[in-house]
Amino acid sequence: MAEYEKKVRQILSQNGCSFQRRGKGDHDIWYSPITRRNVTVDTKIKSRHTANAIMKQSGINYKF
């Protein structure tokens, strides 16, 4: 299975998003300046649908 976590973090960073803090369990909280909202990012993203949902929530136009 493909691991999308590293690529998602890289794209978030390239688009100005910043890591805020660790969340509950294996989740991290990132801030998106595009939407001015926090986005929850799982540390073990195995589904491209989940990765695409994170991109959509952060306001980044990118599809896996």
Protein backbone atom coordinates (compact mmCIF):
# COMPACT_ATOMS: atom_id res chain seq x y z
CA MET A 1 0.00 0.00 0.00
CA ALA A 2 1.08 3.52 -0.68
CA GLU A 3 1.99 5.82 2.17
CA TYR A 4 0.77 9.35 1.54
CA GLU A 5 1.83 10.94 4.83
CA LYS A 6 5.25 12.24 3.74
CA LYS A 7 3.92 13.66 0.46
CA VAL A 8 0.96 15.34 2.23
CA ARG A 9 3.28 17.01 4.76
CA GLN A 10 5.61 18.14 1.98
CA ILE A 11 2.76 19.69 -0.03
CA LEU A 12 1.33 21.39 3.07
CA SER A 13 4.74 22.92 3.86
CA GLN A 14 5.27 24.09 0.27
CA ASN A 15 1.93 25.90 0.36
CA GLY A 16 2.66 27.83 3.54
CA CYS A 17 0.89 25.58 6.03
CA SER A 18 2.59 25.19 9.39
CA PHE A 19 2.71 22.46 12.00
CA GLN A 20 0.94 23.64 15.16
CA ARG A 21 1.00 20.75 17.64
CA ARG A 22 0.50 17.06 18.23
CA GLY A 23 -3.13 16.02 18.43
CA LYS A 24 -4.77 13.04 20.07
CA GLY A 25 -3.40 9.63 19.22
CA ASP A 26 -1.40 9.64 16.01
CA HIS A 27 -2.73 12.92 14.61
CA ASP A 28 -1.04 16.27 14.07
CA ILE A 29 -2.66 19.69 13.81
CA TRP A 30 -1.57 21.95 10.94
CA TYR A 31 -2.63 25.54 10.25
CA SER A 32 -3.59 26.53 6.72
CA PRO A 33 -3.21 30.26 5.90
CA ILE A 34 -5.31 29.70 2.76
CA THR A 35 -8.47 28.76 4.68
CA ARG A 36 -7.32 30.25 8.02
CA ARG A 37 -8.28 27.00 9.75
CA ASN A 38 -6.60 24.09 11.45
CA VAL A 39 -6.40 20.79 9.61
CA THR A 40 -6.01 17.39 11.27
CA VAL A 41 -3.40 15.18 9.59
CA ASP A 42 -3.11 11.49 10.44
CA THR A 43 0.44 10.16 10.71
CA LYS A 44 -0.47 6.96 8.86
CA ILE A 45 -2.36 7.98 5.71
CA LYS A 46 -2.90 4.88 3.59
CA SER A 47 -5.86 6.03 1.50
CA ARG A 48 -5.61 8.49 -1.35
CA HIS A 49 -9.17 9.57 -0.50
CA THR A 50 -8.02 10.63 2.97
CA ALA A 51 -5.04 12.46 1.48
CA ASN A 52 -7.32 14.26 -0.99
CA ALA A 53 -9.70 15.23 1.83
CA ILE A 54 -6.80 16.80 3.75
CA MET A 55 -5.79 18.77 0.64
CA LYS A 56 -9.39 19.96 0.18
CA GLN A 57 -9.72 21.01 3.83
CA SER A 58 -6.50 22.97 3.64
CA GLY A 59 -7.58 24.77 0.45
CA ILE A 60 -4.82 23.29 -1.71
CA ASN A 61 -5.78 22.27 -5.23
CA TYR A 62 -3.90 18.95 -5.47
CA LYS A 63 -5.18 15.45 -6.25
CA PHE A 64 -3.45 12.14 -5.56
